[in-house]
mmCIF file of all heavy atoms, coordinates in Angstrom:
data_MODEL
# 
_entry.id   MODEL 
# 
loop_
_atom_site.group_PDB 
_atom_site.id 
_atom_site.type_symbol 
_atom_site.label_atom_id 
_atom_site.label_alt_id 
_atom_site.label_comp_id 
_atom_site.label_asym_id 
_atom_site.label_entity_id 
_atom_site.label_seq_id 
_atom_site.pdbx_PDB_ins_code 
_atom_site.Cartn_x 
_atom_site.Cartn_y 
_atom_site.Cartn_z 
_atom_site.occupancy 
_atom_site.B_iso_or_equiv 
_atom_site.pdbx_formal_charge 
_atom_site.auth_seq_id 
_atom_site.auth_comp_id 
_atom_site.auth_asym_id 
_atom_site.auth_atom_id 
_atom_site.pdbx_PDB_model_num 
ATOM 1   N N   . ARG A 1 1  ? 87.020  126.165 121.678 1.00 0.00 ? 1  ARG A N   1 
ATOM 2   C CA  . ARG A 1 1  ? 87.287  124.943 120.873 1.00 0.00 ? 1  ARG A CA  1 
ATOM 3   C C   . ARG A 1 1  ? 88.588  124.313 121.334 1.00 0.00 ? 1  ARG A C   1 
ATOM 4   O O   . ARG A 1 1  ? 88.651  123.096 121.533 1.00 0.00 ? 1  ARG A O   1 
ATOM 5   C CB  . ARG A 1 1  ? 87.333  125.309 119.389 1.00 0.00 ? 1  ARG A CB  1 
ATOM 6   C CG  . ARG A 1 1  ? 85.987  125.557 118.804 1.00 0.00 ? 1  ARG A CG  1 
ATOM 7   C CD  . ARG A 1 1  ? 85.198  124.243 118.755 1.00 0.00 ? 1  ARG A CD  1 
ATOM 8   N NE  . ARG A 1 1  ? 83.880  124.496 118.256 1.00 0.00 ? 1  ARG A NE  1 
ATOM 9   C CZ  . ARG A 1 1  ? 83.434  124.087 117.114 1.00 0.00 ? 1  ARG A CZ  1 
ATOM 10  N NH1 . ARG A 1 1  ? 84.154  123.304 116.334 1.00 0.00 ? 1  ARG A NH1 1 
ATOM 11  N NH2 . ARG A 1 1  ? 82.163  124.375 116.738 1.00 0.00 ? 1  ARG A NH2 1 
ATOM 12  N N   . LEU A 1 2  ? 89.626  125.101 121.403 1.00 0.00 ? 2  LEU A N   1 
ATOM 13  C CA  . LEU A 1 2  ? 90.938  124.557 121.773 1.00 0.00 ? 2  LEU A CA  1 
ATOM 14  C C   . LEU A 1 2  ? 90.934  124.037 123.204 1.00 0.00 ? 2  LEU A C   1 
ATOM 15  O O   . LEU A 1 2  ? 91.535  122.978 123.492 1.00 0.00 ? 2  LEU A O   1 
ATOM 16  C CB  . LEU A 1 2  ? 92.047  125.540 121.546 1.00 0.00 ? 2  LEU A CB  1 
ATOM 17  C CG  . LEU A 1 2  ? 92.308  125.835 120.039 1.00 0.00 ? 2  LEU A CG  1 
ATOM 18  C CD1 . LEU A 1 2  ? 93.216  127.050 119.899 1.00 0.00 ? 2  LEU A CD1 1 
ATOM 19  C CD2 . LEU A 1 2  ? 92.937  124.590 119.349 1.00 0.00 ? 2  LEU A CD2 1 
ATOM 20  N N   . SER A 1 3  ? 90.240  124.716 124.103 1.00 0.00 ? 3  SER A N   1 
ATOM 21  C CA  . SER A 1 3  ? 90.148  124.284 125.511 1.00 0.00 ? 3  SER A CA  1 
ATOM 22  C C   . SER A 1 3  ? 89.433  122.962 125.574 1.00 0.00 ? 3  SER A C   1 
ATOM 23  O O   . SER A 1 3  ? 89.776  122.083 126.352 1.00 0.00 ? 3  SER A O   1 
ATOM 24  C CB  . SER A 1 3  ? 89.425  125.310 126.354 1.00 0.00 ? 3  SER A CB  1 
ATOM 25  O OG  . SER A 1 3  ? 90.181  126.521 126.438 1.00 0.00 ? 3  SER A OG  1 
ATOM 26  N N   . ARG A 1 4  ? 88.353  122.763 124.792 1.00 0.00 ? 4  ARG A N   1 
ATOM 27  C CA  . ARG A 1 4  ? 87.653  121.527 124.727 1.00 0.00 ? 4  ARG A CA  1 
ATOM 28  C C   . ARG A 1 4  ? 88.549  120.381 124.231 1.00 0.00 ? 4  ARG A C   1 
ATOM 29  O O   . ARG A 1 4  ? 88.544  119.297 124.863 1.00 0.00 ? 4  ARG A O   1 
ATOM 30  C CB  . ARG A 1 4  ? 86.464  121.626 123.771 1.00 0.00 ? 4  ARG A CB  1 
ATOM 31  C CG  . ARG A 1 4  ? 85.122  121.593 124.419 1.00 0.00 ? 4  ARG A CG  1 
ATOM 32  C CD  . ARG A 1 4  ? 84.034  121.535 123.377 1.00 0.00 ? 4  ARG A CD  1 
ATOM 33  N NE  . ARG A 1 4  ? 83.258  122.741 123.485 1.00 0.00 ? 4  ARG A NE  1 
ATOM 34  C CZ  . ARG A 1 4  ? 82.531  123.265 122.541 1.00 0.00 ? 4  ARG A CZ  1 
ATOM 35  N NH1 . ARG A 1 4  ? 82.406  122.676 121.381 1.00 0.00 ? 4  ARG A NH1 1 
ATOM 36  N NH2 . ARG A 1 4  ? 81.899  124.391 122.746 1.00 0.00 ? 4  ARG A NH2 1 
ATOM 37  N N   . HIS A 1 5  ? 89.321  120.655 123.209 1.00 0.00 ? 5  HIS A N   1 
ATOM 38  C CA  . HIS A 1 5  ? 90.239  119.632 122.730 1.00 0.00 ? 5  HIS A CA  1 
ATOM 39  C C   . HIS A 1 5  ? 91.263  119.302 123.793 1.00 0.00 ? 5  HIS A C   1 
ATOM 40  O O   . HIS A 1 5  ? 91.616  118.133 124.012 1.00 0.00 ? 5  HIS A O   1 
ATOM 41  C CB  . HIS A 1 5  ? 90.969  120.122 121.460 1.00 0.00 ? 5  HIS A CB  1 
ATOM 42  C CG  . HIS A 1 5  ? 90.116  120.046 120.226 1.00 0.00 ? 5  HIS A CG  1 
ATOM 43  N ND1 . HIS A 1 5  ? 89.712  118.837 119.628 1.00 0.00 ? 5  HIS A ND1 1 
ATOM 44  C CD2 . HIS A 1 5  ? 89.581  121.008 119.466 1.00 0.00 ? 5  HIS A CD2 1 
ATOM 45  C CE1 . HIS A 1 5  ? 88.968  119.106 118.559 1.00 0.00 ? 5  HIS A CE1 1 
ATOM 46  N NE2 . HIS A 1 5  ? 88.889  120.413 118.455 1.00 0.00 ? 5  HIS A NE2 1 
ATOM 47  N N   . ALA A 1 6  ? 91.761  120.287 124.517 1.00 0.00 ? 6  ALA A N   1 
ATOM 48  C CA  . ALA A 1 6  ? 92.757  120.061 125.554 1.00 0.00 ? 6  ALA A CA  1 
ATOM 49  C C   . ALA A 1 6  ? 92.211  119.152 126.643 1.00 0.00 ? 6  ALA A C   1 
ATOM 50  O O   . ALA A 1 6  ? 92.883  118.267 127.112 1.00 0.00 ? 6  ALA A O   1 
ATOM 51  C CB  . ALA A 1 6  ? 93.230  121.405 126.143 1.00 0.00 ? 6  ALA A CB  1 
ATOM 52  N N   . ARG A 1 7  ? 90.927  119.451 127.071 1.00 0.00 ? 7  ARG A N   1 
ATOM 53  C CA  . ARG A 1 7  ? 90.313  118.584 128.081 1.00 0.00 ? 7  ARG A CA  1 
ATOM 54  C C   . ARG A 1 7  ? 90.174  117.167 127.606 1.00 0.00 ? 7  ARG A C   1 
ATOM 55  O O   . ARG A 1 7  ? 90.451  116.199 128.368 1.00 0.00 ? 7  ARG A O   1 
ATOM 56  C CB  . ARG A 1 7  ? 88.943  119.146 128.514 1.00 0.00 ? 7  ARG A CB  1 
ATOM 57  C CG  . ARG A 1 7  ? 89.044  120.326 129.450 1.00 0.00 ? 7  ARG A CG  1 
ATOM 58  C CD  . ARG A 1 7  ? 87.660  120.688 130.022 1.00 0.00 ? 7  ARG A CD  1 
ATOM 59  N NE  . ARG A 1 7  ? 86.659  121.036 129.051 1.00 0.00 ? 7  ARG A NE  1 
ATOM 60  C CZ  . ARG A 1 7  ? 86.540  122.239 128.463 1.00 0.00 ? 7  ARG A CZ  1 
ATOM 61  N NH1 . ARG A 1 7  ? 87.389  123.202 128.795 1.00 0.00 ? 7  ARG A NH1 1 
ATOM 62  N NH2 . ARG A 1 7  ? 85.613  122.433 127.601 1.00 0.00 ? 7  ARG A NH2 1 
ATOM 63  N N   . LYS A 1 8  ? 89.763  116.979 126.384 1.00 0.00 ? 8  LYS A N   1 
ATOM 64  C CA  . LYS A 1 8  ? 89.622  115.600 125.847 1.00 0.00 ? 8  LYS A CA  1 
ATOM 65  C C   . LYS A 1 8  ? 90.973  114.899 125.802 1.00 0.00 ? 8  LYS A C   1 
ATOM 66  O O   . LYS A 1 8  ? 91.040  113.695 126.174 1.00 0.00 ? 8  LYS A O   1 
ATOM 67  C CB  . LYS A 1 8  ? 89.058  115.665 124.419 1.00 0.00 ? 8  LYS A CB  1 
ATOM 68  C CG  . LYS A 1 8  ? 87.577  115.959 124.374 1.00 0.00 ? 8  LYS A CG  1 
ATOM 69  C CD  . LYS A 1 8  ? 87.063  115.970 122.939 1.00 0.00 ? 8  LYS A CD  1 
ATOM 70  C CE  . LYS A 1 8  ? 85.621  116.367 122.917 1.00 0.00 ? 8  LYS A CE  1 
ATOM 71  N NZ  . LYS A 1 8  ? 85.106  116.396 121.520 1.00 0.00 ? 8  LYS A NZ  1 
ATOM 72  N N   . VAL A 1 9  ? 91.988  115.588 125.397 1.00 0.00 ? 9  VAL A N   1 
ATOM 73  C CA  . VAL A 1 9  ? 93.350  114.987 125.332 1.00 0.00 ? 9  VAL A CA  1 
ATOM 74  C C   . VAL A 1 9  ? 93.804  114.594 126.740 1.00 0.00 ? 9  VAL A C   1 
ATOM 75  O O   . VAL A 1 9  ? 94.407  113.549 126.901 1.00 0.00 ? 9  VAL A O   1 
ATOM 76  C CB  . VAL A 1 9  ? 94.322  115.966 124.643 1.00 0.00 ? 9  VAL A CB  1 
ATOM 77  C CG1 . VAL A 1 9  ? 95.787  115.548 124.847 1.00 0.00 ? 9  VAL A CG1 1 
ATOM 78  C CG2 . VAL A 1 9  ? 93.997  116.086 123.167 1.00 0.00 ? 9  VAL A CG2 1 
ATOM 79  N N   . MET A 1 10 ? 93.565  115.451 127.715 1.00 0.00 ? 10 MET A N   1 
ATOM 80  C CA  . MET A 1 10 ? 93.998  115.188 129.076 1.00 0.00 ? 10 MET A CA  1 
ATOM 81  C C   . MET A 1 10 ? 93.370  113.909 129.646 1.00 0.00 ? 10 MET A C   1 
ATOM 82  O O   . MET A 1 10 ? 93.950  113.251 130.497 1.00 0.00 ? 10 MET A O   1 
ATOM 83  C CB  . MET A 1 10 ? 93.686  116.386 129.990 1.00 0.00 ? 10 MET A CB  1 
ATOM 84  C CG  . MET A 1 10 ? 94.465  117.640 129.652 1.00 0.00 ? 10 MET A CG  1 
ATOM 85  S SD  . MET A 1 10 ? 96.238  117.491 129.814 1.00 0.00 ? 10 MET A SD  1 
ATOM 86  C CE  . MET A 1 10 ? 96.401  117.566 131.556 1.00 0.00 ? 10 MET A CE  1 
ATOM 87  N N   . HIS A 1 11 ? 92.183  113.593 129.234 1.00 0.00 ? 11 HIS A N   1 
ATOM 88  C CA  . HIS A 1 11 ? 91.462  112.449 129.760 1.00 0.00 ? 11 HIS A CA  1 
ATOM 89  C C   . HIS A 1 11 ? 91.536  111.185 128.848 1.00 0.00 ? 11 HIS A C   1 
ATOM 90  O O   . HIS A 1 11 ? 90.892  110.219 129.115 1.00 0.00 ? 11 HIS A O   1 
ATOM 91  C CB  . HIS A 1 11 ? 90.001  112.824 130.004 1.00 0.00 ? 11 HIS A CB  1 
ATOM 92  C CG  . HIS A 1 11 ? 89.887  113.822 131.101 1.00 0.00 ? 11 HIS A CG  1 
ATOM 93  N ND1 . HIS A 1 11 ? 89.799  115.192 130.827 1.00 0.00 ? 11 HIS A ND1 1 
ATOM 94  C CD2 . HIS A 1 11 ? 89.871  113.729 132.451 1.00 0.00 ? 11 HIS A CD2 1 
ATOM 95  C CE1 . HIS A 1 11 ? 89.748  115.866 131.965 1.00 0.00 ? 11 HIS A CE1 1 
ATOM 96  N NE2 . HIS A 1 11 ? 89.755  115.001 132.949 1.00 0.00 ? 11 HIS A NE2 1 
ATOM 97  N N   . ARG A 1 12 ? 92.273  111.306 127.775 1.00 0.00 ? 12 ARG A N   1 
ATOM 98  C CA  . ARG A 1 12 ? 92.382  110.190 126.846 1.00 0.00 ? 12 ARG A CA  1 
ATOM 99  C C   . ARG A 1 12 ? 93.417  109.170 127.376 1.00 0.00 ? 12 ARG A C   1 
ATOM 100 O O   . ARG A 1 12 ? 94.565  109.505 127.548 1.00 0.00 ? 12 ARG A O   1 
ATOM 101 C CB  . ARG A 1 12 ? 92.804  110.693 125.475 1.00 0.00 ? 12 ARG A CB  1 
ATOM 102 C CG  . ARG A 1 12 ? 92.779  109.661 124.421 1.00 0.00 ? 12 ARG A CG  1 
ATOM 103 C CD  . ARG A 1 12 ? 91.742  110.043 123.353 1.00 0.00 ? 12 ARG A CD  1 
ATOM 104 N NE  . ARG A 1 12 ? 91.779  109.076 122.333 1.00 0.00 ? 12 ARG A NE  1 
ATOM 105 C CZ  . ARG A 1 12 ? 92.070  109.369 121.088 1.00 0.00 ? 12 ARG A CZ  1 
ATOM 106 N NH1 . ARG A 1 12 ? 92.282  110.578 120.718 1.00 0.00 ? 12 ARG A NH1 1 
ATOM 107 N NH2 . ARG A 1 12 ? 92.094  108.374 120.188 1.00 0.00 ? 12 ARG A NH2 1 
ATOM 108 N N   . VAL A 1 13 ? 92.969  107.966 127.626 1.00 0.00 ? 13 VAL A N   1 
ATOM 109 C CA  . VAL A 1 13 ? 93.830  106.908 128.133 1.00 0.00 ? 13 VAL A CA  1 
ATOM 110 C C   . VAL A 1 13 ? 94.884  106.511 127.087 1.00 0.00 ? 13 VAL A C   1 
ATOM 111 O O   . VAL A 1 13 ? 94.570  106.353 125.915 1.00 0.00 ? 13 VAL A O   1 
ATOM 112 C CB  . VAL A 1 13 ? 93.021  105.670 128.553 1.00 0.00 ? 13 VAL A CB  1 
ATOM 113 C CG1 . VAL A 1 13 ? 93.917  104.563 129.018 1.00 0.00 ? 13 VAL A CG1 1 
ATOM 114 C CG2 . VAL A 1 13 ? 91.995  106.013 129.623 1.00 0.00 ? 13 VAL A CG2 1 
ATOM 115 N N   . GLY A 1 14 ? 96.121  106.463 127.522 1.00 0.00 ? 14 GLY A N   1 
ATOM 116 C CA  . GLY A 1 14 ? 97.190  106.045 126.640 1.00 0.00 ? 14 GLY A CA  1 
ATOM 117 C C   . GLY A 1 14 ? 97.765  107.147 125.759 1.00 0.00 ? 14 GLY A C   1 
ATOM 118 O O   . GLY A 1 14 ? 98.574  106.851 124.866 1.00 0.00 ? 14 GLY A O   1 
ATOM 119 N N   . LEU A 1 15 ? 97.316  108.314 125.947 1.00 0.00 ? 15 LEU A N   1 
ATOM 120 C CA  . LEU A 1 15 ? 97.844  109.460 125.148 1.00 0.00 ? 15 LEU A CA  1 
ATOM 121 C C   . LEU A 1 15 ? 98.523  110.503 126.035 1.00 0.00 ? 15 LEU A C   1 
ATOM 122 O O   . LEU A 1 15 ? 97.865  111.085 126.908 1.00 0.00 ? 15 LEU A O   1 
ATOM 123 C CB  . LEU A 1 15 ? 96.693  110.132 124.361 1.00 0.00 ? 15 LEU A CB  1 
ATOM 124 C CG  . LEU A 1 15 ? 97.069  111.359 123.540 1.00 0.00 ? 15 LEU A CG  1 
ATOM 125 C CD1 . LEU A 1 15 ? 98.101  111.020 122.465 1.00 0.00 ? 15 LEU A CD1 1 
ATOM 126 C CD2 . LEU A 1 15 ? 95.858  111.995 122.901 1.00 0.00 ? 15 LEU A CD2 1 
ATOM 127 N N   . ASP A 1 16 ? 99.784  110.669 125.829 1.00 0.00 ? 16 ASP A N   1 
ATOM 128 C CA  . ASP A 1 16 ? 100.549 111.720 126.607 1.00 0.00 ? 16 ASP A CA  1 
ATOM 129 C C   . ASP A 1 16 ? 100.163 113.025 126.014 1.00 0.00 ? 16 ASP A C   1 
ATOM 130 O O   . ASP A 1 16 ? 100.437 113.322 124.835 1.00 0.00 ? 16 ASP A O   1 
ATOM 131 C CB  . ASP A 1 16 ? 102.013 111.427 126.463 1.00 0.00 ? 16 ASP A CB  1 
ATOM 132 C CG  . ASP A 1 16 ? 102.876 112.481 127.158 1.00 0.00 ? 16 ASP A CG  1 
ATOM 133 O OD1 . ASP A 1 16 ? 102.339 113.368 127.820 1.00 0.00 ? 16 ASP A OD1 1 
ATOM 134 O OD2 . ASP A 1 16 ? 104.106 112.349 127.057 1.00 0.00 ? 16 ASP A OD2 1 
ATOM 135 N N   . PRO A 1 17 ? 99.585  113.965 126.779 1.00 0.00 ? 17 PRO A N   1 
ATOM 136 C CA  . PRO A 1 17 ? 99.165  115.231 126.287 1.00 0.00 ? 17 PRO A CA  1 
ATOM 137 C C   . PRO A 1 17 ? 100.307 116.061 125.692 1.00 0.00 ? 17 PRO A C   1 
ATOM 138 O O   . PRO A 1 17 ? 100.081 116.912 124.852 1.00 0.00 ? 17 PRO A O   1 
ATOM 139 C CB  . PRO A 1 17 ? 98.575  115.974 127.512 1.00 0.00 ? 17 PRO A CB  1 
ATOM 140 C CG  . PRO A 1 17 ? 98.157  114.852 128.428 1.00 0.00 ? 17 PRO A CG  1 
ATOM 141 C CD  . PRO A 1 17 ? 99.127  113.704 128.215 1.00 0.00 ? 17 PRO A CD  1 
ATOM 142 N N   . ALA A 1 18 ? 101.546 115.770 126.107 1.00 0.00 ? 18 ALA A N   1 
ATOM 143 C CA  . ALA A 1 18 ? 102.661 116.505 125.582 1.00 0.00 ? 18 ALA A CA  1 
ATOM 144 C C   . ALA A 1 18 ? 102.926 116.219 124.109 1.00 0.00 ? 18 ALA A C   1 
ATOM 145 O O   . ALA A 1 18 ? 103.621 116.970 123.419 1.00 0.00 ? 18 ALA A O   1 
ATOM 146 C CB  . ALA A 1 18 ? 103.931 116.124 126.369 1.00 0.00 ? 18 ALA A CB  1 
ATOM 147 N N   . ARG A 1 19 ? 102.279 115.189 123.565 1.00 0.00 ? 19 ARG A N   1 
ATOM 148 C CA  . ARG A 1 19 ? 102.424 114.832 122.154 1.00 0.00 ? 19 ARG A CA  1 
ATOM 149 C C   . ARG A 1 19 ? 101.526 115.687 121.255 1.00 0.00 ? 19 ARG A C   1 
ATOM 150 O O   . ARG A 1 19 ? 101.667 115.635 120.032 1.00 0.00 ? 19 ARG A O   1 
ATOM 151 C CB  . ARG A 1 19 ? 102.121 113.355 121.961 1.00 0.00 ? 19 ARG A CB  1 
ATOM 152 C CG  . ARG A 1 19 ? 103.059 112.426 122.687 1.00 0.00 ? 19 ARG A CG  1 
ATOM 153 C CD  . ARG A 1 19 ? 102.613 110.975 122.600 1.00 0.00 ? 19 ARG A CD  1 
ATOM 154 N NE  . ARG A 1 19 ? 102.440 110.541 121.233 1.00 0.00 ? 19 ARG A NE  1 
ATOM 155 C CZ  . ARG A 1 19 ? 101.657 109.512 120.886 1.00 0.00 ? 19 ARG A CZ  1 
ATOM 156 N NH1 . ARG A 1 19 ? 101.012 108.810 121.774 1.00 0.00 ? 19 ARG A NH1 1 
ATOM 157 N NH2 . ARG A 1 19 ? 101.553 109.179 119.612 1.00 0.00 ? 19 ARG A NH2 1 
ATOM 158 N N   . VAL A 1 20 ? 100.598 116.408 121.836 1.00 0.00 ? 20 VAL A N   1 
ATOM 159 C CA  . VAL A 1 20 ? 99.595  117.126 121.027 1.00 0.00 ? 20 VAL A CA  1 
ATOM 160 C C   . VAL A 1 20 ? 99.902  118.630 121.061 1.00 0.00 ? 20 VAL A C   1 
ATOM 161 O O   . VAL A 1 20 ? 100.157 119.250 122.074 1.00 0.00 ? 20 VAL A O   1 
ATOM 162 C CB  . VAL A 1 20 ? 98.198  116.891 121.607 1.00 0.00 ? 20 VAL A CB  1 
ATOM 163 C CG1 . VAL A 1 20 ? 97.129  117.655 120.772 1.00 0.00 ? 20 VAL A CG1 1 
ATOM 164 C CG2 . VAL A 1 20 ? 97.853  115.403 121.674 1.00 0.00 ? 20 VAL A CG2 1 
ATOM 165 N N   . SER A 1 21 ? 99.913  119.230 119.863 1.00 0.00 ? 21 SER A N   1 
ATOM 166 C CA  . SER A 1 21 ? 100.149 120.686 119.740 1.00 0.00 ? 21 SER A CA  1 
ATOM 167 C C   . SER A 1 21 ? 99.118  121.272 118.762 1.00 0.00 ? 21 SER A C   1 
ATOM 168 O O   . SER A 1 21 ? 98.334  120.549 118.137 1.00 0.00 ? 21 SER A O   1 
ATOM 169 C CB  . SER A 1 21 ? 101.593 120.911 119.212 1.00 0.00 ? 21 SER A CB  1 
ATOM 170 O OG  . SER A 1 21 ? 101.788 120.267 118.007 1.00 0.00 ? 21 SER A OG  1 
ATOM 171 N N   . PHE A 1 22 ? 99.118  122.616 118.641 1.00 0.00 ? 22 PHE A N   1 
ATOM 172 C CA  . PHE A 1 22 ? 98.143  123.261 117.799 1.00 0.00 ? 22 PHE A CA  1 
ATOM 173 C C   . PHE A 1 22 ? 98.727  124.525 117.153 1.00 0.00 ? 22 PHE A C   1 
ATOM 174 O O   . PHE A 1 22 ? 99.716  125.069 117.621 1.00 0.00 ? 22 PHE A O   1 
ATOM 175 C CB  . PHE A 1 22 ? 96.893  123.644 118.614 1.00 0.00 ? 22 PHE A CB  1 
ATOM 176 C CG  . PHE A 1 22 ? 97.067  124.836 119.551 1.00 0.00 ? 22 PHE A CG  1 
ATOM 177 C CD1 . PHE A 1 22 ? 96.773  126.096 119.115 1.00 0.00 ? 22 PHE A CD1 1 
ATOM 178 C CD2 . PHE A 1 22 ? 97.524  124.652 120.819 1.00 0.00 ? 22 PHE A CD2 1 
ATOM 179 C CE1 . PHE A 1 22 ? 96.951  127.200 119.948 1.00 0.00 ? 22 PHE A CE1 1 
ATOM 180 C CE2 . PHE A 1 22 ? 97.700  125.714 121.684 1.00 0.00 ? 22 PHE A CE2 1 
ATOM 181 C CZ  . PHE A 1 22 ? 97.419  126.968 121.245 1.00 0.00 ? 22 PHE A CZ  1 
ATOM 182 N N   . LYS A 1 23 ? 98.027  124.937 116.113 1.00 0.00 ? 23 LYS A N   1 
ATOM 183 C CA  . LYS A 1 23 ? 98.226  126.262 115.503 1.00 0.00 ? 23 LYS A CA  1 
ATOM 184 C C   . LYS A 1 23 ? 96.820  126.839 115.329 1.00 0.00 ? 23 LYS A C   1 
ATOM 185 O O   . LYS A 1 23 ? 95.889  126.111 115.082 1.00 0.00 ? 23 LYS A O   1 
ATOM 186 C CB  . LYS A 1 23 ? 98.814  126.135 114.071 1.00 0.00 ? 23 LYS A CB  1 
ATOM 187 C CG  . LYS A 1 23 ? 100.210 125.571 114.053 1.00 0.00 ? 23 LYS A CG  1 
ATOM 188 C CD  . LYS A 1 23 ? 100.671 125.487 112.557 1.00 0.00 ? 23 LYS A CD  1 
ATOM 189 C CE  . LYS A 1 23 ? 102.040 124.873 112.426 1.00 0.00 ? 23 LYS A CE  1 
ATOM 190 N NZ  . LYS A 1 23 ? 102.509 124.875 111.021 1.00 0.00 ? 23 LYS A NZ  1 
ATOM 191 N N   . ALA A 1 24 ? 96.698  128.144 115.523 1.00 0.00 ? 24 ALA A N   1 
ATOM 192 C CA  . ALA A 1 24 ? 95.362  128.789 115.382 1.00 0.00 ? 24 ALA A CA  1 
ATOM 193 C C   . ALA A 1 24 ? 95.516  130.126 114.715 1.00 0.00 ? 24 ALA A C   1 
ATOM 194 O O   . ALA A 1 24 ? 96.489  130.837 114.921 1.00 0.00 ? 24 ALA A O   1 
ATOM 195 C CB  . ALA A 1 24 ? 94.721  128.958 116.782 1.00 0.00 ? 24 ALA A CB  1 
ATOM 196 N N   . VAL A 1 25 ? 94.520  130.447 113.869 1.00 0.00 ? 25 VAL A N   1 
ATOM 197 C CA  . VAL A 1 25 ? 94.511  131.744 113.181 1.00 0.00 ? 25 VAL A CA  1 
ATOM 198 C C   . VAL A 1 25 ? 93.106  132.361 113.329 1.00 0.00 ? 25 VAL A C   1 
ATOM 199 O O   . VAL A 1 25 ? 92.111  131.738 112.952 1.00 0.00 ? 25 VAL A O   1 
ATOM 200 C CB  . VAL A 1 25 ? 94.792  131.543 111.677 1.00 0.00 ? 25 VAL A CB  1 
ATOM 201 C CG1 . VAL A 1 25 ? 94.682  132.871 110.946 1.00 0.00 ? 25 VAL A CG1 1 
ATOM 202 C CG2 . VAL A 1 25 ? 96.166  130.924 111.463 1.00 0.00 ? 25 VAL A CG2 1 
ATOM 203 N N   . ARG A 1 26 ? 93.118  133.542 113.903 1.00 0.00 ? 26 ARG A N   1 
ATOM 204 C CA  . ARG A 1 26 ? 91.842  134.290 113.910 1.00 0.00 ? 26 ARG A CA  1 
ATOM 205 C C   . ARG A 1 26 ? 91.568  134.809 112.507 1.00 0.00 ? 26 ARG A C   1 
ATOM 206 O O   . ARG A 1 26 ? 92.464  135.350 111.879 1.00 0.00 ? 26 ARG A O   1 
ATOM 207 C CB  . ARG A 1 26 ? 91.947  135.495 114.862 1.00 0.00 ? 26 ARG A CB  1 
ATOM 208 C CG  . ARG A 1 26 ? 90.684  136.330 114.912 1.00 0.00 ? 26 ARG A CG  1 
ATOM 209 C CD  . ARG A 1 26 ? 90.771  137.445 115.865 1.00 0.00 ? 26 ARG A CD  1 
ATOM 210 N NE  . ARG A 1 26 ? 89.563  138.237 115.846 1.00 0.00 ? 26 ARG A NE  1 
ATOM 211 C CZ  . ARG A 1 26 ? 89.390  139.321 116.533 1.00 0.00 ? 26 ARG A CZ  1 
ATOM 212 N NH1 . ARG A 1 26 ? 90.364  139.835 117.270 1.00 0.00 ? 26 ARG A NH1 1 
ATOM 213 N NH2 . ARG A 1 26 ? 88.236  139.982 116.458 1.00 0.00 ? 26 ARG A NH2 1 
# 
């Protein structure tokens, strides 16, 4: 799930991927 979100963010025009962060809990 997080890898999918990362790929989408990387290809989003006008969005610097460095602005996006996450927290995850198993």
